[in-house]
Amino acid sequence: MTINRVVLVGRLTKDPDLRYTPNGVAVANFTLAVNRPFSNQQGNREADFINCVVWRRAAENLANYMHKGSMIGVDGRIQTRRYEDKDKKTVFVTEVLAGSVQFIESKNSNSDRNTPNHHENASRGQENNFNSSFGSSGEAIDVTDDDLPF
């Protein structure tokens, strides 16, 4: 038996990066800052910055309703992949593939926590074995439906 499950609660470090495959499938990349449960030797709290990916409707909901500083919960799995960069060097990537995203609060929502956009499930995503890189140039990702396991 194997288990690969991750549950995180943290804040978005920047607005989610929403893109679409040529076939119209939404995918969003985002980084979650998650505080460590202890202080360092200087007494300061540190955080881990965890790269995440979410697909389809959950990706669109995340990009439409959550922004830099929003607190969210992620339930998913660790995924590793590798690709060759433009210099022909192999790049290894470890990220969390989010199966679901929970909206906990937005950056400035201390008084409006019960609004409809908060505490709602962003919808269930699907797992994938996507093995190409995500650039940050904003162009379409070259993926066919055969590349997606759902």
N, C-alpha and C. Protein backbone atom coordinates (compact mmCIF):
# COMPACT_ATOMS: atom_id res chain seq x y z
N MET A 1 0.84 -1.17 0.00
CA MET A 1 0.00 0.00 0.00
C MET A 1 0.89 1.24 0.00
N THR A 2 0.51 2.24 -0.77
CA THR A 2 1.22 3.52 -0.77
C THR A 2 0.22 4.64 -0.50
N ILE A 3 0.72 5.69 0.13
CA ILE A 3 -0.11 6.86 0.41
C ILE A 3 0.65 8.10 -0.03
N ASN A 4 -0.01 8.95 -0.77
CA ASN A 4 0.56 10.22 -1.21
C ASN A 4 -0.53 11.27 -1.03
N ARG A 5 -0.58 11.88 0.14
CA ARG A 5 -1.62 12.86 0.42
C ARG A 5 -1.02 14.05 1.15
N VAL A 6 -1.44 15.23 0.73
CA VAL A 6 -0.95 16.47 1.31
C VAL A 6 -2.14 17.34 1.67
N VAL A 7 -2.12 17.90 2.87
CA VAL A 7 -3.13 18.87 3.29
C VAL A 7 -2.37 20.10 3.78
N LEU A 8 -2.65 21.25 3.17
CA LEU A 8 -1.94 22.49 3.49
C LEU A 8 -2.94 23.61 3.75
N VAL A 9 -2.57 24.52 4.63
CA VAL A 9 -3.30 25.76 4.82
C VAL A 9 -2.26 26.86 4.83
N GLY A 10 -2.44 27.84 3.96
CA GLY A 10 -1.49 28.93 3.88
C GLY A 10 -2.05 30.07 3.06
N ARG A 11 -1.18 31.04 2.76
CA ARG A 11 -1.58 32.22 2.01
C ARG A 11 -0.92 32.22 0.64
N LEU A 12 -1.67 32.70 -0.35
CA LEU A 12 -1.12 32.84 -1.70
C LEU A 12 -0.03 33.91 -1.70
N THR A 13 1.11 33.61 -2.32
CA THR A 13 2.21 34.58 -2.36
C THR A 13 2.04 35.59 -3.48
N LYS A 14 1.19 35.27 -4.46
CA LYS A 14 0.84 36.18 -5.55
C LYS A 14 -0.46 35.68 -6.15
N ASP A 15 -1.04 36.45 -7.05
CA ASP A 15 -2.27 36.00 -7.71
C ASP A 15 -2.01 34.71 -8.47
N PRO A 16 -2.97 33.77 -8.48
CA PRO A 16 -2.79 32.53 -9.24
C PRO A 16 -2.58 32.82 -10.72
N ASP A 17 -1.77 32.01 -11.37
CA ASP A 17 -1.46 32.14 -12.80
C ASP A 17 -2.37 31.18 -13.57
N LEU A 18 -3.47 31.70 -14.10
CA LEU A 18 -4.45 30.89 -14.83
C LEU A 18 -4.13 30.88 -16.31
N ARG A 19 -4.09 29.69 -16.90
CA ARG A 19 -3.90 29.52 -18.34
C ARG A 19 -4.81 28.43 -18.84
N TYR A 20 -4.85 28.30 -20.15
CA TYR A 20 -5.68 27.28 -20.78
C TYR A 20 -4.84 26.49 -21.76
N THR A 21 -5.09 25.18 -21.82
CA THR A 21 -4.46 24.35 -22.83
C THR A 21 -5.09 24.71 -24.18
N PRO A 22 -4.51 24.30 -25.30
CA PRO A 22 -5.13 24.57 -26.60
C PRO A 22 -6.55 24.02 -26.73
N ASN A 23 -6.87 23.00 -25.93
CA ASN A 23 -8.22 22.42 -25.96
C ASN A 23 -9.15 23.06 -24.95
N GLY A 24 -8.71 24.15 -24.30
CA GLY A 24 -9.58 24.89 -23.41
C GLY A 24 -9.63 24.40 -21.98
N VAL A 25 -8.71 23.55 -21.56
CA VAL A 25 -8.69 23.06 -20.19
C VAL A 25 -7.94 24.06 -19.32
N ALA A 26 -8.59 24.53 -18.25
CA ALA A 26 -7.98 25.51 -17.36
C ALA A 26 -6.97 24.85 -16.44
N VAL A 27 -5.85 25.55 -16.20
CA VAL A 27 -4.83 25.11 -15.26
C VAL A 27 -4.28 26.36 -14.56
N ALA A 28 -4.16 26.29 -13.25
CA ALA A 28 -3.63 27.42 -12.48
C ALA A 28 -2.44 26.95 -11.65
N ASN A 29 -1.38 27.73 -11.72
CA ASN A 29 -0.21 27.52 -10.88
C ASN A 29 -0.23 28.57 -9.79
N PHE A 30 0.16 28.18 -8.58
CA PHE A 30 0.21 29.14 -7.49
C PHE A 30 1.21 28.65 -6.45
N THR A 31 1.67 29.59 -5.63
CA THR A 31 2.60 29.26 -4.55
C THR A 31 1.92 29.60 -3.23
N LEU A 32 2.00 28.66 -2.31
CA LEU A 32 1.37 28.80 -1.01
C LEU A 32 2.46 28.98 0.05
N ALA A 33 2.36 30.04 0.85
CA ALA A 33 3.27 30.24 1.98
C ALA A 33 2.63 29.59 3.20
N VAL A 34 3.33 28.61 3.76
CA VAL A 34 2.81 27.85 4.90
C VAL A 34 3.78 28.03 6.07
N ASN A 35 3.29 28.62 7.16
CA ASN A 35 4.14 28.84 8.33
C ASN A 35 4.57 27.53 8.96
N ARG A 36 5.82 27.50 9.37
CA ARG A 36 6.32 26.35 10.13
C ARG A 36 5.79 26.44 11.56
N PRO A 37 5.60 25.30 12.22
CA PRO A 37 4.99 25.32 13.56
C PRO A 37 5.96 25.65 14.69
N PHE A 38 7.14 26.16 14.37
CA PHE A 38 8.13 26.47 15.40
C PHE A 38 8.91 27.71 14.97
N SER A 39 9.65 28.27 15.90
CA SER A 39 10.48 29.45 15.63
C SER A 39 11.92 29.02 15.44
N ASN A 40 12.69 29.83 14.68
CA ASN A 40 14.11 29.53 14.49
C ASN A 40 14.90 29.98 15.71
N GLN A 41 16.23 29.88 15.67
CA GLN A 41 17.07 30.22 16.82
C GLN A 41 16.96 31.69 17.22
N GLN A 42 16.60 32.55 16.27
CA GLN A 42 16.43 33.97 16.57
C GLN A 42 15.03 34.28 17.08
N GLY A 43 14.17 33.29 17.18
CA GLY A 43 12.83 33.49 17.68
C GLY A 43 11.82 33.89 16.61
N ASN A 44 12.22 33.84 15.33
CA ASN A 44 11.33 34.22 14.23
C ASN A 44 10.67 32.99 13.63
N ARG A 45 9.43 33.17 13.20
CA ARG A 45 8.71 32.10 12.50
C ARG A 45 9.13 32.12 11.04
N GLU A 46 9.37 30.96 10.48
CA GLU A 46 9.72 30.83 9.08
C GLU A 46 8.56 30.18 8.34
N ALA A 47 8.60 30.28 7.03
CA ALA A 47 7.55 29.69 6.20
C ALA A 47 8.18 28.88 5.08
N ASP A 48 7.44 27.91 4.60
CA ASP A 48 7.81 27.17 3.40
C ASP A 48 6.96 27.70 2.26
N PHE A 49 7.54 27.80 1.08
CA PHE A 49 6.85 28.29 -0.11
C PHE A 49 6.68 27.10 -1.05
N ILE A 50 5.44 26.65 -1.17
CA ILE A 50 5.14 25.38 -1.83
C ILE A 50 4.41 25.64 -3.14
N ASN A 51 5.01 25.15 -4.23
CA ASN A 51 4.40 25.30 -5.56
C ASN A 51 3.27 24.30 -5.72
N CYS A 52 2.15 24.79 -6.27
CA CYS A 52 0.95 23.96 -6.42
C CYS A 52 0.35 24.15 -7.82
N VAL A 53 -0.42 23.17 -8.25
CA VAL A 53 -1.13 23.20 -9.53
C VAL A 53 -2.55 22.70 -9.30
N VAL A 54 -3.51 23.34 -9.94
CA VAL A 54 -4.89 22.87 -9.88
C VAL A 54 -5.49 22.99 -11.28
N TRP A 55 -6.38 22.09 -11.64
CA TRP A 55 -6.93 22.01 -13.00
C TRP A 55 -8.42 22.30 -13.03
N ARG A 56 -8.89 22.59 -14.23
CA ARG A 56 -10.30 22.71 -14.60
C ARG A 56 -11.05 23.78 -13.81
N ARG A 57 -12.26 23.50 -13.37
CA ARG A 57 -13.13 24.49 -12.73
C ARG A 57 -12.51 25.05 -11.45
N ALA A 58 -11.85 24.17 -10.68
CA ALA A 58 -11.20 24.63 -9.45
C ALA A 58 -10.12 25.67 -9.76
N ALA A 59 -9.44 25.52 -10.89
CA ALA A 59 -8.43 26.50 -11.30
C ALA A 59 -9.08 27.84 -11.61
N GLU A 60 -10.19 27.81 -12.33
CA GLU A 60 -10.89 29.05 -12.66
C GLU A 60 -11.44 29.73 -11.41
N ASN A 61 -12.03 28.96 -10.51
CA ASN A 61 -12.57 29.53 -9.27
C ASN A 61 -11.46 30.16 -8.43
N LEU A 62 -10.34 29.48 -8.32
CA LEU A 62 -9.22 30.01 -7.55
C LEU A 62 -8.76 31.35 -8.13
N ALA A 63 -8.57 31.40 -9.44
CA ALA A 63 -8.10 32.63 -10.08
C ALA A 63 -9.13 33.76 -10.01
N ASN A 64 -10.41 33.42 -10.05
CA ASN A 64 -11.46 34.45 -10.03
C ASN A 64 -11.73 35.03 -8.64
N TYR A 65 -11.56 34.23 -7.59
CA TYR A 65 -11.98 34.66 -6.26
C TYR A 65 -10.86 34.87 -5.25
N MET A 66 -9.70 34.30 -5.47
CA MET A 66 -8.60 34.42 -4.51
C MET A 66 -7.44 35.19 -5.13
N HIS A 67 -6.76 35.95 -4.30
CA HIS A 67 -5.68 36.81 -4.76
C HIS A 67 -4.52 36.75 -3.77
N LYS A 68 -3.45 37.44 -4.10
CA LYS A 68 -2.28 37.49 -3.23
C LYS A 68 -2.73 37.79 -1.79
N GLY A 69 -2.25 36.98 -0.85
CA GLY A 69 -2.59 37.16 0.56
C GLY A 69 -3.79 36.37 1.02
N SER A 70 -4.60 35.83 0.10
CA SER A 70 -5.77 35.04 0.50
C SER A 70 -5.33 33.74 1.17
N MET A 71 -6.02 33.39 2.26
CA MET A 71 -5.74 32.12 2.92
C MET A 71 -6.62 31.04 2.31
N ILE A 72 -5.99 29.94 1.91
CA ILE A 72 -6.71 28.83 1.31
C ILE A 72 -6.23 27.52 1.92
N GLY A 73 -7.04 26.49 1.76
CA GLY A 73 -6.66 25.14 2.12
C GLY A 73 -6.56 24.31 0.86
N VAL A 74 -5.58 23.43 0.83
CA VAL A 74 -5.36 22.58 -0.34
C VAL A 74 -5.31 21.13 0.12
N ASP A 75 -6.01 20.27 -0.58
CA ASP A 75 -5.94 18.83 -0.36
C ASP A 75 -5.50 18.22 -1.68
N GLY A 76 -4.39 17.50 -1.67
CA GLY A 76 -3.88 16.95 -2.92
C GLY A 76 -2.79 15.93 -2.70
N ARG A 77 -1.86 15.88 -3.66
CA ARG A 77 -0.77 14.92 -3.58
C ARG A 77 0.50 15.55 -4.13
N ILE A 78 1.64 15.02 -3.71
CA ILE A 78 2.93 15.45 -4.22
C ILE A 78 3.12 14.83 -5.60
N GLN A 79 3.62 15.65 -6.50
CA GLN A 79 3.90 15.18 -7.87
C GLN A 79 5.31 15.63 -8.24
N THR A 80 6.07 14.75 -8.85
CA THR A 80 7.38 15.13 -9.37
C THR A 80 7.37 14.94 -10.87
N ARG A 81 8.13 15.79 -11.55
CA ARG A 81 8.27 15.68 -13.00
C ARG A 81 9.61 16.26 -13.37
N ARG A 82 10.01 16.02 -14.59
CA ARG A 82 11.26 16.59 -15.08
C ARG A 82 11.11 16.95 -16.55
N TYR A 83 11.92 17.91 -16.96
CA TYR A 83 11.92 18.33 -18.35
C TYR A 83 13.29 18.91 -18.69
N GLU A 84 13.56 19.07 -19.99
CA GLU A 84 14.80 19.70 -20.43
C GLU A 84 14.53 21.17 -20.70
N ASP A 85 15.37 22.03 -20.15
CA ASP A 85 15.21 23.46 -20.40
C ASP A 85 15.86 23.83 -21.73
N LYS A 86 15.85 25.11 -22.06
CA LYS A 86 16.37 25.55 -23.37
C LYS A 86 17.87 25.32 -23.50
N ASP A 87 18.57 25.16 -22.37
CA ASP A 87 20.01 24.87 -22.40
C ASP A 87 20.29 23.38 -22.36
N LYS A 88 19.25 22.57 -22.55
CA LYS A 88 19.34 21.10 -22.56
C LYS A 88 19.72 20.52 -21.20
N LYS A 89 19.48 21.28 -20.13
CA LYS A 89 19.71 20.77 -18.78
C LYS A 89 18.41 20.19 -18.26
N THR A 90 18.51 19.08 -17.54
CA THR A 90 17.33 18.46 -16.94
C THR A 90 16.94 19.23 -15.69
N VAL A 91 15.67 19.63 -15.63
CA VAL A 91 15.12 20.36 -14.50
C VAL A 91 14.12 19.43 -13.81
N PHE A 92 14.27 19.29 -12.49
CA PHE A 92 13.36 18.48 -11.69
C PHE A 92 12.42 19.41 -10.94
N VAL A 93 11.14 19.07 -10.94
CA VAL A 93 10.12 19.89 -10.29
C VAL A 93 9.34 19.02 -9.31
N THR A 94 9.14 19.53 -8.10
CA THR A 94 8.27 18.89 -7.12
C THR A 94 7.18 19.90 -6.78
N GLU A 95 5.93 19.47 -6.86
CA GLU A 95 4.81 20.37 -6.62
C GLU A 95 3.65 19.58 -6.04
N VAL A 96 2.68 20.32 -5.51
CA VAL A 96 1.46 19.69 -5.01
C VAL A 96 0.40 19.80 -6.08
N LEU A 97 -0.17 18.68 -6.46
CA LEU A 97 -1.29 18.65 -7.39
C LEU A 97 -2.55 18.69 -6.55
N ALA A 98 -3.24 19.82 -6.56
CA ALA A 98 -4.41 20.02 -5.71
C ALA A 98 -5.60 19.27 -6.26
N GLY A 99 -6.21 18.44 -5.45
CA GLY A 99 -7.46 17.78 -5.81
C GLY A 99 -8.64 18.66 -5.47
N SER A 100 -8.50 19.45 -4.39
CA SER A 100 -9.53 20.41 -4.04
C SER A 100 -8.87 21.61 -3.35
N VAL A 101 -9.54 22.75 -3.47
CA VAL A 101 -9.08 23.98 -2.86
C VAL A 101 -10.24 24.56 -2.06
N GLN A 102 -9.98 24.88 -0.80
CA GLN A 102 -10.99 25.49 0.06
C GLN A 102 -10.66 26.96 0.25
N PHE A 103 -11.64 27.83 0.08
CA PHE A 103 -11.45 29.25 0.31
C PHE A 103 -11.67 29.51 1.80
N ILE A 104 -10.64 29.88 2.51
CA ILE A 104 -10.75 30.11 3.96
C ILE A 104 -11.04 31.57 4.23
N GLU A 105 -10.23 32.46 3.68
CA GLU A 105 -10.48 33.89 3.79
C GLU A 105 -9.65 34.61 2.75
N SER A 106 -10.10 35.78 2.36
CA SER A 106 -9.29 36.59 1.46
C SER A 106 -8.39 37.48 2.31
N LYS A 107 -7.47 38.16 1.70
CA LYS A 107 -6.45 38.95 2.41
C LYS A 107 -7.06 39.92 3.41
N ASN A 108 -8.11 40.63 3.04
CA ASN A 108 -8.71 41.65 3.91
C ASN A 108 -10.12 41.28 4.32
N SER A 109 -10.34 40.04 4.74
CA SER A 109 -11.71 39.59 4.99
C SER A 109 -12.02 39.36 6.46
N ASN A 110 -11.36 40.02 7.36
CA ASN A 110 -11.62 39.78 8.78
C ASN A 110 -13.09 40.01 9.14
N SER A 111 -13.76 40.97 8.47
CA SER A 111 -15.15 41.25 8.82
C SER A 111 -16.14 40.59 7.88
N ASP A 112 -15.67 40.02 6.77
CA ASP A 112 -16.63 39.44 5.82
C ASP A 112 -16.37 37.96 5.60
N ARG A 113 -16.04 37.23 6.64
CA ARG A 113 -15.71 35.81 6.49
C ARG A 113 -16.88 34.96 6.06
N ASN A 114 -18.09 35.40 6.23
CA ASN A 114 -19.24 34.58 5.87
C ASN A 114 -19.86 34.95 4.53
N THR A 115 -19.12 35.68 3.70
CA THR A 115 -19.63 35.99 2.37
C THR A 115 -19.61 34.74 1.52
N PRO A 116 -20.40 34.67 0.46
CA PRO A 116 -20.52 33.46 -0.34
C PRO A 116 -19.21 32.97 -0.94
N ASN A 117 -18.25 33.84 -1.20
CA ASN A 117 -17.02 33.41 -1.84
C ASN A 117 -16.04 32.77 -0.87
N HIS A 118 -16.34 32.76 0.41
CA HIS A 118 -15.45 32.19 1.40
C HIS A 118 -16.05 30.91 1.95
N HIS A 119 -15.19 30.03 2.44
CA HIS A 119 -15.59 28.76 3.03
C HIS A 119 -16.32 27.86 2.04
N GLU A 120 -16.02 28.00 0.76
CA GLU A 120 -16.69 27.13 -0.19
C GLU A 120 -15.67 26.27 -0.90
N ASN A 121 -16.11 25.13 -1.34
CA ASN A 121 -15.22 24.23 -2.06
C ASN A 121 -15.08 24.75 -3.47
N ALA A 122 -13.85 24.84 -3.94
CA ALA A 122 -13.59 25.37 -5.28
C ALA A 122 -13.90 24.33 -6.36
N SER A 123 -14.32 23.18 -5.99
CA SER A 123 -14.70 22.03 -6.82
C SER A 123 -13.54 21.06 -6.92
N ARG A 124 -13.87 19.85 -7.08
CA ARG A 124 -12.87 18.79 -7.11
C ARG A 124 -12.15 18.78 -8.45
N GLY A 125 -10.83 18.71 -8.39
CA GLY A 125 -10.00 18.55 -9.58
C GLY A 125 -9.71 17.08 -9.78
N GLN A 126 -8.89 16.76 -10.73
CA GLN A 126 -8.51 15.39 -10.99
C GLN A 126 -7.00 15.29 -10.95
N GLU A 127 -6.48 14.10 -10.62
CA GLU A 127 -5.05 13.90 -10.61
C GLU A 127 -4.56 13.80 -12.04
N ASN A 128 -3.26 14.10 -12.23
CA ASN A 128 -2.71 13.99 -13.57
C ASN A 128 -1.26 13.60 -13.51
N ASN A 129 -0.71 13.25 -14.64
CA ASN A 129 0.70 12.92 -14.78
C ASN A 129 1.32 13.83 -15.82
N PHE A 130 1.04 15.08 -15.77
CA PHE A 130 1.47 16.05 -16.75
C PHE A 130 2.98 16.21 -16.67
N ASN A 131 3.69 16.05 -17.78
CA ASN A 131 5.15 16.04 -17.76
C ASN A 131 5.79 17.09 -18.64
N SER A 132 5.23 18.25 -18.80
CA SER A 132 5.92 19.31 -19.50
C SER A 132 6.02 20.52 -18.61
N SER A 133 6.89 21.45 -18.96
CA SER A 133 7.12 22.59 -18.08
C SER A 133 6.07 23.65 -18.26
N PHE A 134 5.90 24.45 -17.21
CA PHE A 134 5.03 25.61 -17.25
C PHE A 134 5.92 26.83 -17.28
N GLY A 135 5.89 27.58 -18.37
CA GLY A 135 6.63 28.82 -18.43
C GLY A 135 5.78 29.92 -17.85
N SER A 136 6.35 31.09 -17.74
CA SER A 136 5.59 32.20 -17.18
C SER A 136 5.33 33.26 -18.23
N SER A 137 5.42 32.89 -19.50
CA SER A 137 5.27 33.88 -20.56
C SER A 137 3.83 34.13 -20.95
N GLY A 138 2.88 33.34 -20.45
CA GLY A 138 1.47 33.59 -20.70
C GLY A 138 0.92 32.96 -21.96
N GLU A 139 1.75 32.28 -22.76
CA GLU A 139 1.20 31.67 -23.95
C GLU A 139 0.54 30.34 -23.63
N ALA A 140 -0.21 29.80 -24.58
CA ALA A 140 -0.93 28.55 -24.39
C ALA A 140 0.05 27.41 -24.14
N ILE A 141 -0.41 26.42 -23.39
CA ILE A 141 0.39 25.24 -23.11
C ILE A 141 0.05 24.19 -24.16
N ASP A 142 1.05 23.56 -24.71
CA ASP A 142 0.86 22.58 -25.78
C ASP A 142 0.56 21.22 -25.16
N VAL A 143 -0.73 20.96 -24.89
CA VAL A 143 -1.18 19.72 -24.28
C VAL A 143 -2.40 19.25 -25.05
N THR A 144 -2.45 17.97 -25.33
CA THR A 144 -3.65 17.41 -25.98
C THR A 144 -4.48 16.70 -24.92
N ASP A 145 -5.71 16.37 -25.26
CA ASP A 145 -6.56 15.64 -24.32
C ASP A 145 -5.94 14.30 -23.95
N ASP A 146 -5.14 13.70 -24.87
CA ASP A 146 -4.50 12.43 -24.58
C ASP A 146 -3.45 12.55 -23.48
N ASP A 147 -2.92 13.76 -23.27
CA ASP A 147 -1.95 13.99 -22.20
C ASP A 147 -2.58 14.04 -20.82
N LEU A 148 -3.90 14.27 -20.77
CA LEU A 148 -4.59 14.42 -19.50
C LEU A 148 -5.26 13.11 -19.11
N PRO A 149 -5.16 12.72 -17.85
CA PRO A 149 -5.75 11.45 -17.43
C PRO A 149 -7.22 11.54 -17.09
N PHE A 150 -7.89 12.65 -17.37
CA PHE A 150 -9.29 12.81 -17.05
C PHE A 150 -10.03 13.38 -18.21
